């Protein structure tokens, strides 16, 4: 008896493709994803050209993007009907004496198939303001549900477990795939788990430990981005013969 079909999905905040690009490419290629869901993809001038160039260094193909999120796929993998959501957030965020700027937020998703079962994949990058994150998440969840399919939601949540965003995801009945994965930020001394991977009922999945992947080194992970990636294996439900 063979196992259920699976899909290898990489969720990665690539820090605007602004760190060591060769190290980043080595990490992504070693992870060998079928689909990469990218946060902080390069932007500004020549955005699409940069994203296609980045995808090529990974051995992947650029499909779609919204704000700073992008979907990349391996040869032979199709992601159809991409949907984009833009969310408003203030450019300047103030908290006590600190001032930070934020680029426009958004999310992008698409549908694929796994073992003949439809599956939606959605990637987001939530903002720095706690109330704003919650409003953004509601828009993202509406987008996830609009596919009318089981879905995987990944992204940089900018919040640690126990916060209102994580609590809201739990009320949706989503499985936190990263619960045993450990911290994801900062890559040179990970102390916070602010990157999430959540799966809706009807599908199962797991995080593949980075130290189990041949070719992924600590040196490259530190040089590639300020976040650690999450490599996921999503498994189709078994069907019972009629």
C-alpha atoms as a PDB file:
ATOM      1  CA  UNK A   1       0.000   0.000   0.000  1.00  0.00           C
ATOM      2  CA  UNK A   2       1.386   3.384  -1.003  1.00  0.00           C
ATOM      3  CA  UNK A   3       1.256   6.488   1.125  1.00  0.00           C
ATOM      4  CA  UNK A   4      -0.996   9.451   0.449  1.00  0.00           C
ATOM      5  CA  UNK A   5       0.175  12.051  -2.074  1.00  0.00           C
ATOM      6  CA  UNK A   6       1.999  14.982  -0.494  1.00  0.00           C
ATOM      7  CA  UNK A   7       3.035  18.502  -1.360  1.00  0.00           C
ATOM      8  CA  UNK A   8       6.245  20.162  -0.193  1.00  0.00           C
ATOM      9  CA  UNK A   9       5.609  23.820   0.660  1.00  0.00           C
ATOM     10  CA  UNK A  10       8.204  26.359   1.778  1.00  0.00           C
ATOM     11  CA  UNK A  11       7.147  29.463   3.717  1.00  0.00           C
ATOM     12  CA  UNK A  12       9.954  32.012   3.866  1.00  0.00           C
ATOM     13  CA  UNK A  13      10.391  35.697   4.709  1.00  0.00           C
ATOM     14  CA  UNK A  14      13.323  36.495   2.416  1.00  0.00           C
ATOM     15  CA  UNK A  15      14.017  39.982   3.837  1.00  0.00           C
ATOM     16  CA  UNK A  16      13.407  41.765   0.516  1.00  0.00           C
ATOM     17  CA  UNK A  17      16.018  39.569  -1.219  1.00  0.00           C
ATOM     18  CA  UNK A  18      18.511  41.977   0.286  1.00  0.00           C
ATOM     19  CA  UNK A  19      20.915  39.764   2.225  1.00  0.00           C
ATOM     20  CA  UNK A  20      23.200  37.055   0.873  1.00  0.00           C
ATOM     21  CA  UNK A  21      21.379  35.973  -2.292  1.00  0.00           C
ATOM     22  CA  UNK A  22      23.638  33.010  -2.973  1.00  0.00           C
ATOM     23  CA  UNK A  23      23.111  31.645   0.547  1.00  0.00           C
ATOM     24  CA  UNK A  24      19.364  32.153   0.178  1.00  0.00           C
ATOM     25  CA  UNK A  25      19.319  30.296  -3.128  1.00  0.00           C
ATOM     26  CA  UNK A  26      21.247  27.392  -1.594  1.00  0.00           C
ATOM     27  CA  UNK A  27      18.734  27.137   1.263  1.00  0.00           C
ATOM     28  CA  UNK A  28      15.693  27.181  -1.020  1.00  0.00           C
ATOM     29  CA  UNK A  29      17.190  24.723  -3.518  1.00  0.00           C
ATOM     30  CA  UNK A  30      18.159  22.339  -0.719  1.00  0.00           C
ATOM     31  CA  UNK A  31      14.589  22.485   0.632  1.00  0.00           C
ATOM     32  CA  UNK A  32      13.365  21.558  -2.882  1.00  0.00           C
ATOM     33  CA  UNK A  33       9.819  22.881  -2.482  1.00  0.00           C
ATOM     34  CA  UNK A  34       6.996  22.172  -4.906  1.00  0.00           C
ATOM     35  CA  UNK A  35       5.605  25.578  -3.954  1.00  0.00           C
ATOM     36  CA  UNK A  36       7.288  28.500  -2.183  1.00  0.00           C
ATOM     37  CA  UNK A  37       5.122  31.058  -0.394  1.00  0.00           C
ATOM     38  CA  UNK A  38       7.316  34.114   0.013  1.00  0.00           C
ATOM     39  CA  UNK A  39       7.033  37.087   2.343  1.00  0.00           C
ATOM     40  CA  UNK A  40       9.011  40.298   1.890  1.00  0.00           C
ATOM     41  CA  UNK A  41       9.617  39.591  -1.776  1.00  0.00           C
ATOM     42  CA  UNK A  42      11.600  42.368  -3.527  1.00  0.00           C
ATOM     43  CA  UNK A  43       9.595  45.449  -4.427  1.00  0.00           C
ATOM     44  CA  UNK A  44       9.910  49.048  -5.659  1.00  0.00           C
ATOM     45  CA  UNK A  45      11.406  49.618  -9.121  1.00  0.00           C
ATOM     46  CA  UNK A  46      11.355  46.612 -11.419  1.00  0.00           C
ATOM     47  CA  UNK A  47       9.307  44.608  -8.931  1.00  0.00           C
ATOM     48  CA  UNK A  48       8.115  41.886 -11.291  1.00  0.00           C
ATOM     49  CA  UNK A  49      11.510  41.574 -12.973  1.00  0.00           C
ATOM     50  CA  UNK A  50      13.208  41.205  -9.575  1.00  0.00           C
ATOM     51  CA  UNK A  51      10.753  38.574  -8.412  1.00  0.00           C
ATOM     52  CA  UNK A  52      11.176  36.533 -11.560  1.00  0.00           C
ATOM     53  CA  UNK A  53      14.956  36.810 -11.219  1.00  0.00           C
ATOM     54  CA  UNK A  54      14.752  35.705  -7.593  1.00  0.00           C
ATOM     55  CA  UNK A  55      12.553  32.743  -8.517  1.00  0.00           C
ATOM     56  CA  UNK A  56      15.041  31.715 -11.205  1.00  0.00           C
ATOM     57  CA  UNK A  57      17.889  31.593  -8.648  1.00  0.00           C
ATOM     58  CA  UNK A  58      15.708  29.184  -6.639  1.00  0.00           C
ATOM     59  CA  UNK A  59      14.976  27.006  -9.676  1.00  0.00           C
ATOM     60  CA  UNK A  60      11.315  28.044  -9.425  1.00  0.00           C
ATOM     61  CA  UNK A  61       8.774  29.963 -11.507  1.00  0.00           C
ATOM     62  CA  UNK A  62       7.019  33.176 -10.440  1.00  0.00           C
ATOM     63  CA  UNK A  63       3.203  32.896 -10.458  1.00  0.00           C
ATOM     64  CA  UNK A  64       1.589  35.800  -8.623  1.00  0.00           C
ATOM     65  CA  UNK A  65       2.111  38.385  -5.898  1.00  0.00           C
ATOM     66  CA  UNK A  66       0.357  40.969  -3.781  1.00  0.00           C
ATOM     67  CA  UNK A  67       2.068  43.640  -1.712  1.00  0.00           C
ATOM     68  CA  UNK A  68       5.264  41.846  -0.612  1.00  0.00           C
ATOM     69  CA  UNK A  69       3.926  38.285  -0.810  1.00  0.00           C
ATOM     70  CA  UNK A  70       4.605  35.981  -3.762  1.00  0.00           C
ATOM     71  CA  UNK A  71       3.847  32.460  -4.981  1.00  0.00           C
ATOM     72  CA  UNK A  72       6.598  30.504  -6.747  1.00  0.00           C
ATOM     73  CA  UNK A  73       6.283  26.970  -8.105  1.00  0.00           C
ATOM     74  CA  UNK A  74       8.521  24.138  -9.282  1.00  0.00           C
ATOM     75  CA  UNK A  75       8.384  22.629 -12.754  1.00  0.00           C
ATOM     76  CA  UNK A  76       5.217  20.614 -13.266  1.00  0.00           C
ATOM     77  CA  UNK A  77       3.302  22.286 -10.414  1.00  0.00           C
ATOM     78  CA  UNK A  78       0.309  24.470 -11.195  1.00  0.00           C
ATOM     79  CA  UNK A  79      -1.332  27.084  -8.992  1.00  0.00           C
ATOM     80  CA  UNK A  80      -4.444  28.506 -10.631  1.00  0.00           C
ATOM     81  CA  UNK A  81      -6.920  31.332 -10.057  1.00  0.00           C
ATOM     82  CA  UNK A  82      -4.667  33.564  -7.952  1.00  0.00           C
ATOM     83  CA  UNK A  83      -6.537  36.032  -5.760  1.00  0.00           C
ATOM     84  CA  UNK A  84      -5.026  39.200  -4.342  1.00  0.00           C
ATOM     85  CA  UNK A  85      -6.006  41.217  -1.300  1.00  0.00           C
ATOM     86  CA  UNK A  86      -4.644  44.622  -0.347  1.00  0.00           C
ATOM     87  CA  UNK A  87      -5.158  45.840   3.209  1.00  0.00           C
ATOM     88  CA  UNK A  88      -4.832  49.398   4.406  1.00  0.00           C
ATOM     89  CA  UNK A  89      -2.348  50.210   7.125  1.00  0.00           C
ATOM     90  CA  UNK A  90      -0.843  53.523   8.251  1.00  0.00           C
ATOM     91  CA  UNK A  91       2.552  54.251   6.718  1.00  0.00           C
ATOM     92  CA  UNK A  92       3.823  55.597  10.055  1.00  0.00           C
ATOM     93  CA  UNK A  93       3.265  53.565  13.196  1.00  0.00           C
ATOM     94  CA  UNK A  94       3.825  55.206  16.565  1.00  0.00           C
ATOM     95  CA  UNK A  95       4.179  53.430  19.895  1.00  0.00           C
ATOM     96  CA  UNK A  96       5.396  55.351  22.906  1.00  0.00           C
ATOM     97  CA  UNK A  97       8.576  57.078  21.711  1.00  0.00           C
ATOM     98  CA  UNK A  98       9.203  54.734  18.817  1.00  0.00           C
ATOM     99  CA  UNK A  99       8.271  55.441  15.204  1.00  0.00           C
ATOM    100  CA  UNK A 100       8.280  52.793  12.475  1.00  0.00           C
ATOM    101  CA  UNK A 101       7.202  52.855   8.843  1.00  0.00           C
ATOM    102  CA  UNK A 102       5.112  50.159   7.187  1.00  0.00           C
ATOM    103  CA  UNK A 103       4.648  49.325   3.525  1.00  0.00           C
ATOM    104  CA  UNK A 104       1.120  48.508   2.287  1.00  0.00           C
ATOM    105  CA  UNK A 105      -0.090  45.114   3.396  1.00  0.00           C
ATOM    106  CA  UNK A 106      -1.787  42.347   1.534  1.00  0.00           C
ATOM    107  CA  UNK A 107      -2.095  38.679   0.800  1.00  0.00           C
ATOM    108  CA  UNK A 108      -2.100  36.385  -2.209  1.00  0.00           C
ATOM    109  CA  UNK A 109      -3.500  32.899  -2.692  1.00  0.00           C
ATOM    110  CA  UNK A 110      -4.242  30.328  -5.345  1.00  0.00           C
ATOM    111  CA  UNK A 111      -5.610  26.856  -5.798  1.00  0.00           C
ATOM    112  CA  UNK A 112      -3.853  23.620  -6.620  1.00  0.00           C
ATOM    113  CA  UNK A 113      -4.654  19.922  -6.385  1.00  0.00           C
ATOM    114  CA  UNK A 114      -3.211  17.240  -4.175  1.00  0.00           C
ATOM    115  CA  UNK A 115      -4.156  13.639  -4.860  1.00  0.00           C
ATOM    116  CA  UNK A 116      -7.180  14.816  -6.802  1.00  0.00           C
ATOM    117  CA  UNK A 117      -8.303  17.019  -3.896  1.00  0.00           C
ATOM    118  CA  UNK A 118      -8.522  20.789  -4.301  1.00  0.00           C
ATOM    119  CA  UNK A 119      -6.385  22.858  -1.940  1.00  0.00           C
ATOM    120  CA  UNK A 120      -5.970  26.614  -1.503  1.00  0.00           C
ATOM    121  CA  UNK A 121      -2.619  28.133  -0.544  1.00  0.00           C
ATOM    122  CA  UNK A 122      -2.524  31.602   0.990  1.00  0.00           C
ATOM    123  CA  UNK A 123       0.434  33.687   2.160  1.00  0.00           C
ATOM    124  CA  UNK A 124       0.281  36.899   4.187  1.00  0.00           C
ATOM    125  CA  UNK A 125       2.493  39.341   6.056  1.00  0.00           C
ATOM    126  CA  UNK A 126       0.703  41.069   8.913  1.00  0.00           C
ATOM    127  CA  UNK A 127       1.565  44.537  10.176  1.00  0.00           C
ATOM    128  CA  UNK A 128       3.323  45.901  13.231  1.00  0.00           C
ATOM    129  CA  UNK A 129       0.274  47.318  15.030  1.00  0.00           C
ATOM    130  CA  UNK A 130      -1.597  44.845  17.245  1.00  0.00           C
ATOM    131  CA  UNK A 131      -5.063  46.137  16.352  1.00  0.00           C
ATOM    132  CA  UNK A 132      -4.155  46.461  12.698  1.00  0.00           C
ATOM    133  CA  UNK A 133      -2.969  42.866  12.577  1.00  0.00           C
ATOM    134  CA  UNK A 134      -6.323  41.642  13.794  1.00  0.00           C
ATOM    135  CA  UNK A 135      -8.199  43.656  11.158  1.00  0.00           C
ATOM    136  CA  UNK A 136      -5.843  42.436   8.444  1.00  0.00           C
ATOM    137  CA  UNK A 137      -6.276  38.825   9.539  1.00  0.00           C
ATOM    138  CA  UNK A 138     -10.056  39.054   9.184  1.00  0.00           C
ATOM    139  CA  UNK A 139      -9.599  40.103   5.556  1.00  0.00           C
ATOM    140  CA  UNK A 140      -7.102  37.309   4.980  1.00  0.00           C
ATOM    141  CA  UNK A 141      -9.457  34.706   6.464  1.00  0.00           C
ATOM    142  CA  UNK A 142     -12.296  35.920   4.250  1.00  0.00           C
ATOM    143  CA  UNK A 143      -9.983  35.443   1.288  1.00  0.00           C
ATOM    144  CA  UNK A 144      -9.053  31.932   2.426  1.00  0.00           C
ATOM    145  CA  UNK A 145     -12.712  30.960   2.709  1.00  0.00           C
ATOM    146  CA  UNK A 146     -13.560  32.446  -0.696  1.00  0.00           C
ATOM    147  CA  UNK A 147     -11.836  29.492  -2.382  1.00  0.00           C
ATOM    148  CA  UNK A 148     -14.387  27.101  -0.801  1.00  0.00           C
ATOM    149  CA  UNK A 149     -11.577  24.583  -0.356  1.00  0.00           C
ATOM    150  CA  UNK A 150      -9.425  23.252   2.475  1.00  0.00           C
ATOM    151  CA  UNK A 151      -6.553  25.707   2.791  1.00  0.00           C
ATOM    152  CA  UNK A 152      -3.046  26.273   4.067  1.00  0.00           C
ATOM    153  CA  UNK A 153      -2.359  29.741   5.458  1.00  0.00           C
ATOM    154  CA  UNK A 154       1.249  30.748   6.071  1.00  0.00           C
ATOM    155  CA  UNK A 155       3.021  33.985   6.786  1.00  0.00           C
ATOM    156  CA  UNK A 156       4.918  36.363   8.960  1.00  0.00           C
ATOM    157  CA  UNK A 157       2.383  37.128  11.682  1.00  0.00           C
ATOM    158  CA  UNK A 158       4.612  39.625  13.533  1.00  0.00           C
ATOM    159  CA  UNK A 159       3.281  38.182  16.783  1.00  0.00           C
ATOM    160  CA  UNK A 160       4.147  35.299  19.072  1.00  0.00           C
ATOM    161  CA  UNK A 161       1.746  32.474  20.023  1.00  0.00           C
ATOM    162  CA  UNK A 162      -0.661  33.519  22.741  1.00  0.00           C
ATOM    163  CA  UNK A 163      -1.410  36.820  21.018  1.00  0.00           C
ATOM    164  CA  UNK A 164      -4.839  37.718  19.609  1.00  0.00           C
ATOM    165  CA  UNK A 165      -3.943  36.763  16.035  1.00  0.00           C
ATOM    166  CA  UNK A 166      -2.940  33.236  17.076  1.00  0.00           C
ATOM    167  CA  UNK A 167      -6.023  32.956  19.267  1.00  0.00           C
ATOM    168  CA  UNK A 168      -8.232  33.994  16.340  1.00  0.00           C
ATOM    169  CA  UNK A 169      -6.653  31.358  14.107  1.00  0.00           C
ATOM    170  CA  UNK A 170      -7.368  28.746  16.777  1.00  0.00           C
ATOM    171  CA  UNK A 171     -11.053  29.725  16.892  1.00  0.00           C
ATOM    172  CA  UNK A 172     -11.220  28.961  13.163  1.00  0.00           C
ATOM    173  CA  UNK A 173     -10.299  25.371  13.960  1.00  0.00           C
ATOM    174  CA  UNK A 174      -6.975  25.602  12.142  1.00  0.00           C
ATOM    175  CA  UNK A 175      -4.073  23.314  13.027  1.00  0.00           C
ATOM    176  CA  UNK A 176      -0.866  25.090  14.035  1.00  0.00           C
ATOM    177  CA  UNK A 177       1.715  23.065  12.129  1.00  0.00           C
ATOM    178  CA  UNK A 178       4.630  24.904  13.702  1.00  0.00           C
ATOM    179  CA  UNK A 179       3.789  24.195  17.322  1.00  0.00           C
ATOM    180  CA  UNK A 180       6.880  21.987  17.713  1.00  0.00           C
ATOM    181  CA  UNK A 181       9.070  23.795  15.189  1.00  0.00           C
ATOM    182  CA  UNK A 182      10.772  26.228  17.544  1.00  0.00           C
ATOM    183  CA  UNK A 183      11.501  29.936  17.125  1.00  0.00           C
ATOM    184  CA  UNK A 184      11.858  31.471  13.660  1.00  0.00           C
ATOM    185  CA  UNK A 185      13.290  34.945  14.382  1.00  0.00           C
ATOM    186  CA  UNK A 186      16.006  36.284  14.422  1.00  0.00           C
ATOM    187  CA  UNK A 187      17.890  33.742  12.292  1.00  0.00           C
ATOM    188  CA  UNK A 188      21.246  34.254  14.007  1.00  0.00           C
ATOM    189  CA  UNK A 189      19.733  33.733  17.475  1.00  0.00           C
ATOM    190  CA  UNK A 190      16.140  32.520  17.157  1.00  0.00           C
ATOM    191  CA  UNK A 191      14.092  33.447  20.221  1.00  0.00           C
ATOM    192  CA  UNK A 192      10.628  34.237  18.807  1.00  0.00           C
ATOM    193  CA  UNK A 193       8.118  32.196  16.801  1.00  0.00           C
ATOM    194  CA  UNK A 194       6.452  34.894  14.732  1.00  0.00           C
ATOM    195  CA  UNK A 195       6.023  32.891  11.513  1.00  0.00           C
ATOM    196  CA  UNK A 196       2.972  30.683  11.214  1.00  0.00           C
ATOM    197  CA  UNK A 197       1.650  27.780   9.168  1.00  0.00           C
ATOM    198  CA  UNK A 198      -1.980  26.858   9.749  1.00  0.00           C
ATOM    199  CA  UNK A 199      -3.985  24.129   8.067  1.00  0.00           C
ATOM    200  CA  UNK A 200      -7.751  23.838   7.840  1.00  0.00           C
ATOM    201  CA  UNK A 201      -9.631  20.586   8.569  1.00  0.00           C
ATOM    202  CA  UNK A 202      -9.589  17.998   5.801  1.00  0.00           C
ATOM    203  CA  UNK A 203      -5.817  18.007   5.318  1.00  0.00           C
ATOM    204  CA  UNK A 204      -2.872  16.961   7.421  1.00  0.00           C
ATOM    205  CA  UNK A 205       0.677  18.187   7.470  1.00  0.00           C
ATOM    206  CA  UNK A 206       3.907  18.507   9.359  1.00  0.00           C
ATOM    207  CA  UNK A 207       6.974  20.724   9.590  1.00  0.00           C
ATOM    208  CA  UNK A 208      10.149  19.160   8.217  1.00  0.00           C
ATOM    209  CA  UNK A 209      13.040  20.032  10.583  1.00  0.00           C
ATOM    210  CA  UNK A 210      15.659  22.170   8.870  1.00  0.00           C
ATOM    211  CA  UNK A 211      18.490  20.179  10.429  1.00  0.00           C
ATOM    212  CA  UNK A 212      17.215  17.081   8.633  1.00  0.00           C
ATOM    213  CA  UNK A 213      17.665  18.614   5.178  1.00  0.00           C
ATOM    214  CA  UNK A 214      20.936  17.845   3.449  1.00  0.00           C
ATOM    215  CA  UNK A 215      22.592  21.020   2.174  1.00  0.00           C
ATOM    216  CA  UNK A 216      20.963  23.433   4.623  1.00  0.00           C
ATOM    217  CA  UNK A 217      23.625  24.906   6.903  1.00  0.00           C
ATOM    218  CA  UNK A 218      23.380  27.237   9.848  1.00  0.00           C
ATOM    219  CA  UNK A 219      25.807  29.609   8.122  1.00  0.00           C
ATOM    220  CA  UNK A 220      23.550  29.897   5.077  1.00  0.00           C
ATOM    221  CA  UNK A 221      20.402  30.298   7.177  1.00  0.00           C
ATOM    222  CA  UNK A 222      21.963  33.204   9.078  1.00  0.00           C
ATOM    223  CA  UNK A 223      23.293  34.859   5.919  1.00  0.00           C
ATOM    224  CA  UNK A 224      20.175  34.338   3.800  1.00  0.00           C
ATOM    225  CA  UNK A 225      17.532  36.268   5.792  1.00  0.00           C
ATOM    226  CA  UNK A 226      16.614  37.524   9.238  1.00  0.00           C
ATOM    227  CA  UNK A 227      13.888  34.834   9.419  1.00  0.00           C
ATOM    228  CA  UNK A 228      14.192  31.056   9.341  1.00  0.00           C
ATOM    229  CA  UNK A 229      12.066  29.259   6.754  1.00  0.00           C
ATOM    230  CA  UNK A 230       9.337  26.734   7.485  1.00  0.00           C
ATOM    231  CA  UNK A 231       9.334  23.667   5.239  1.00  0.00           C
ATOM    232  CA  UNK A 232       6.021  21.832   5.280  1.00  0.00           C
ATOM    233  CA  UNK A 233       4.744  18.528   3.988  1.00  0.00           C
ATOM    234  CA  UNK A 234       1.017  18.634   3.293  1.00  0.00           C
ATOM    235  CA  UNK A 235      -0.732  15.284   2.855  1.00  0.00           C
ATOM    236  CA  UNK A 236      -3.964  14.578   1.040  1.00  0.00           C
ATOM    237  CA  UNK A 237      -6.651  12.735   2.986  1.00  0.00           C
ATOM    238  CA  UNK A 238      -6.896   9.040   2.260  1.00  0.00           C
ATOM    239  CA  UNK A 239      -9.894   8.054   0.229  1.00  0.00           C
ATOM    240  CA  UNK A 240     -11.810   4.879   0.995  1.00  0.00           C
ATOM    241  CA  UNK A 241     -12.461   2.699  -2.076  1.00  0.00           C
ATOM    242  CA  UNK A 242     -16.157   2.360  -2.822  1.00  0.00           C
END
